[in-house]
């Protein structure tokens, strides 16, 4: 969400809207948590069989492409 104030734009997030104070450790923890989730998801995806991939509408090439992506993307 963005808010216009005069000539500047302020970006807000759900945490900021909830009144929580941002600090670098909180942002870093959130970022590391997001990276860990992506890593787990991609690792789980890489272990799915072709039958399971068809159930979720993916093909092996798409799985391999997604699993090869770095966790920070």
N, C-alpha and C. Protein backbone atom coordinates (compact mmCIF):
# COMPACT_ATOMS: atom_id res chain seq x y z
N UNK A 1 0.85 -1.17 0.00
CA UNK A 1 0.00 0.00 0.00
C UNK A 1 0.89 1.23 0.00
N UNK A 2 0.51 2.23 -0.76
CA UNK A 2 1.26 3.47 -0.77
C UNK A 2 0.34 4.62 -0.39
N UNK A 3 0.92 5.60 0.23
CA UNK A 3 0.17 6.77 0.66
C UNK A 3 0.87 8.01 0.12
N UNK A 4 0.13 8.89 -0.52
CA UNK A 4 0.68 10.13 -1.03
C UNK A 4 0.59 11.20 0.04
N UNK A 5 1.72 11.84 0.33
CA UNK A 5 1.72 12.97 1.26
C UNK A 5 2.50 14.09 0.61
N UNK A 6 1.79 15.02 0.04
CA UNK A 6 2.45 16.13 -0.63
C UNK A 6 3.20 15.62 -1.85
N UNK A 7 4.52 15.80 -1.84
CA UNK A 7 5.32 15.40 -2.99
C UNK A 7 6.03 14.06 -2.77
N UNK A 8 5.80 13.42 -1.62
CA UNK A 8 6.49 12.16 -1.36
C UNK A 8 5.48 11.02 -1.23
N UNK A 9 5.98 9.82 -1.46
CA UNK A 9 5.15 8.62 -1.35
C UNK A 9 5.69 7.79 -0.20
N UNK A 10 4.81 7.37 0.69
CA UNK A 10 5.19 6.55 1.83
C UNK A 10 4.65 5.15 1.57
N UNK A 11 5.53 4.16 1.62
CA UNK A 11 5.10 2.78 1.44
C UNK A 11 4.79 2.20 2.81
N UNK A 12 3.64 1.57 2.90
CA UNK A 12 3.25 0.95 4.16
C UNK A 12 3.00 -0.53 3.93
N UNK A 13 3.17 -1.30 4.95
CA UNK A 13 2.94 -2.73 4.90
C UNK A 13 1.90 -3.08 5.95
N UNK A 14 1.37 -4.30 5.91
CA UNK A 14 0.39 -4.68 6.93
C UNK A 14 0.93 -4.53 8.35
N UNK A 15 2.24 -4.82 8.56
CA UNK A 15 2.79 -4.65 9.91
C UNK A 15 2.80 -3.19 10.33
N UNK A 16 3.14 -2.31 9.39
CA UNK A 16 3.15 -0.88 9.72
C UNK A 16 1.73 -0.39 9.99
N UNK A 17 0.78 -0.89 9.22
CA UNK A 17 -0.60 -0.47 9.42
C UNK A 17 -1.13 -0.97 10.77
N UNK A 18 -0.59 -2.08 11.26
CA UNK A 18 -1.02 -2.62 12.54
C UNK A 18 -0.39 -1.86 13.70
N UNK A 19 0.47 -0.91 13.41
CA UNK A 19 1.08 -0.11 14.46
C UNK A 19 2.34 -0.73 15.05
N UNK A 20 2.88 -1.76 14.41
CA UNK A 20 4.10 -2.38 14.92
C UNK A 20 5.30 -1.56 14.50
N UNK A 21 6.27 -1.51 15.36
CA UNK A 21 7.48 -0.73 15.10
C UNK A 21 8.43 -1.58 14.26
N UNK A 22 8.95 -0.99 13.19
CA UNK A 22 9.91 -1.69 12.35
C UNK A 22 11.32 -1.47 12.89
N UNK A 23 12.07 -2.51 12.88
CA UNK A 23 13.48 -2.41 13.20
C UNK A 23 14.21 -3.38 12.30
N UNK A 24 15.49 -3.16 12.12
CA UNK A 24 16.25 -4.03 11.24
C UNK A 24 16.20 -5.50 11.67
N UNK A 25 16.29 -5.83 12.95
CA UNK A 25 16.19 -7.24 13.32
C UNK A 25 14.85 -7.87 12.96
N UNK A 26 13.77 -7.13 13.08
CA UNK A 26 12.44 -7.66 12.75
C UNK A 26 12.35 -7.90 11.24
N UNK A 27 12.81 -6.95 10.46
CA UNK A 27 12.78 -7.09 9.00
C UNK A 27 13.69 -8.24 8.58
N UNK A 28 14.86 -8.35 9.17
CA UNK A 28 15.79 -9.43 8.84
C UNK A 28 15.17 -10.79 9.19
N UNK A 29 14.55 -10.89 10.34
CA UNK A 29 13.91 -12.14 10.74
C UNK A 29 12.80 -12.52 9.76
N UNK A 30 12.01 -11.55 9.37
CA UNK A 30 10.94 -11.81 8.40
C UNK A 30 11.53 -12.28 7.06
N UNK A 31 12.60 -11.63 6.62
CA UNK A 31 13.24 -11.99 5.36
C UNK A 31 13.80 -13.41 5.42
N UNK A 32 14.50 -13.75 6.50
CA UNK A 32 15.06 -15.09 6.64
C UNK A 32 13.95 -16.14 6.70
N UNK A 33 12.86 -15.82 7.35
CA UNK A 33 11.73 -16.74 7.42
C UNK A 33 11.13 -16.98 6.03
N UNK A 34 10.99 -15.91 5.26
CA UNK A 34 10.47 -16.03 3.89
C UNK A 34 11.41 -16.88 3.04
N UNK A 35 12.71 -16.66 3.15
CA UNK A 35 13.69 -17.44 2.39
C UNK A 35 13.62 -18.92 2.77
N UNK A 36 13.48 -19.20 4.06
CA UNK A 36 13.41 -20.59 4.51
C UNK A 36 12.15 -21.27 3.97
N UNK A 37 11.05 -20.55 3.92
CA UNK A 37 9.81 -21.09 3.38
C UNK A 37 9.95 -21.41 1.90
N UNK A 38 10.55 -20.50 1.15
CA UNK A 38 10.77 -20.74 -0.27
C UNK A 38 11.67 -21.95 -0.49
N UNK A 39 12.72 -22.05 0.32
CA UNK A 39 13.65 -23.17 0.18
C UNK A 39 12.94 -24.51 0.45
N UNK A 40 12.14 -24.56 1.52
CA UNK A 40 11.40 -25.79 1.85
C UNK A 40 10.42 -26.14 0.75
N UNK A 41 9.69 -25.15 0.25
CA UNK A 41 8.69 -25.40 -0.79
C UNK A 41 9.33 -25.92 -2.07
N UNK A 42 10.43 -25.32 -2.45
CA UNK A 42 11.10 -25.75 -3.68
C UNK A 42 11.73 -27.12 -3.52
N UNK A 43 12.24 -27.40 -2.34
CA UNK A 43 12.80 -28.74 -2.10
C UNK A 43 11.69 -29.79 -2.15
N UNK A 44 10.55 -29.49 -1.55
CA UNK A 44 9.42 -30.44 -1.58
C UNK A 44 8.93 -30.63 -3.01
N UNK A 45 8.86 -29.55 -3.78
CA UNK A 45 8.44 -29.64 -5.17
C UNK A 45 9.39 -30.51 -5.97
N UNK A 46 10.68 -30.40 -5.70
CA UNK A 46 11.66 -31.18 -6.46
C UNK A 46 11.55 -32.68 -6.20
N UNK A 47 10.92 -33.08 -5.11
CA UNK A 47 10.79 -34.50 -4.78
C UNK A 47 9.47 -35.12 -5.24
N UNK A 48 8.60 -34.32 -5.86
CA UNK A 48 7.32 -34.85 -6.31
C UNK A 48 7.50 -35.72 -7.56
N UNK A 49 6.72 -36.78 -7.62
CA UNK A 49 6.75 -37.66 -8.80
C UNK A 49 5.97 -37.02 -9.94
N UNK A 50 6.12 -37.59 -11.13
CA UNK A 50 5.40 -37.08 -12.29
C UNK A 50 3.89 -37.18 -12.11
N UNK A 51 3.43 -38.20 -11.45
CA UNK A 51 1.99 -38.36 -11.20
C UNK A 51 1.47 -37.23 -10.30
N UNK A 52 2.22 -36.93 -9.25
CA UNK A 52 1.81 -35.85 -8.35
C UNK A 52 1.89 -34.49 -9.06
N UNK A 53 2.89 -34.32 -9.91
CA UNK A 53 3.00 -33.07 -10.66
C UNK A 53 1.79 -32.87 -11.56
N UNK A 54 1.35 -33.94 -12.23
CA UNK A 54 0.16 -33.83 -13.09
C UNK A 54 -1.06 -33.45 -12.27
N UNK A 55 -1.14 -33.96 -11.03
CA UNK A 55 -2.28 -33.62 -10.16
C UNK A 55 -2.36 -32.12 -9.87
N UNK A 56 -1.21 -31.47 -9.78
CA UNK A 56 -1.21 -30.03 -9.48
C UNK A 56 -1.00 -29.17 -10.73
N UNK A 57 -0.98 -29.83 -11.90
CA UNK A 57 -0.93 -29.09 -13.16
C UNK A 57 0.45 -28.63 -13.58
N UNK A 58 1.49 -29.32 -13.15
CA UNK A 58 2.85 -28.96 -13.54
C UNK A 58 3.48 -30.09 -14.34
N UNK A 59 4.49 -29.75 -15.11
CA UNK A 59 5.25 -30.78 -15.80
C UNK A 59 6.66 -30.83 -15.19
N UNK A 60 7.41 -31.88 -15.46
CA UNK A 60 8.74 -32.01 -14.86
C UNK A 60 9.69 -30.86 -15.21
N UNK A 61 9.57 -30.29 -16.41
CA UNK A 61 10.45 -29.18 -16.78
C UNK A 61 10.17 -27.94 -15.92
N UNK A 62 8.90 -27.67 -15.68
CA UNK A 62 8.53 -26.53 -14.84
C UNK A 62 9.01 -26.76 -13.41
N UNK A 63 8.84 -27.99 -12.92
CA UNK A 63 9.32 -28.33 -11.58
C UNK A 63 10.82 -28.09 -11.47
N UNK A 64 11.58 -28.58 -12.43
CA UNK A 64 13.03 -28.43 -12.39
C UNK A 64 13.45 -26.97 -12.45
N UNK A 65 12.74 -26.19 -13.28
CA UNK A 65 13.04 -24.76 -13.38
C UNK A 65 12.79 -24.06 -12.04
N UNK A 66 11.65 -24.34 -11.44
CA UNK A 66 11.30 -23.71 -10.16
C UNK A 66 12.23 -24.17 -9.04
N UNK A 67 12.55 -25.45 -9.00
CA UNK A 67 13.42 -25.97 -7.95
C UNK A 67 14.84 -25.44 -8.05
N UNK A 68 15.26 -25.05 -9.25
CA UNK A 68 16.62 -24.54 -9.45
C UNK A 68 16.75 -23.06 -9.10
N UNK A 69 15.63 -22.39 -8.89
CA UNK A 69 15.71 -20.96 -8.56
C UNK A 69 16.34 -20.76 -7.20
N UNK A 70 17.13 -19.70 -7.03
CA UNK A 70 17.71 -19.43 -5.72
C UNK A 70 16.62 -19.06 -4.71
N UNK A 71 16.87 -19.33 -3.45
CA UNK A 71 15.85 -19.08 -2.42
C UNK A 71 15.51 -17.62 -2.24
N UNK A 72 16.39 -16.73 -2.68
CA UNK A 72 16.13 -15.30 -2.48
C UNK A 72 15.30 -14.69 -3.61
N UNK A 73 14.93 -15.49 -4.61
CA UNK A 73 14.10 -14.97 -5.71
C UNK A 73 12.71 -15.55 -5.64
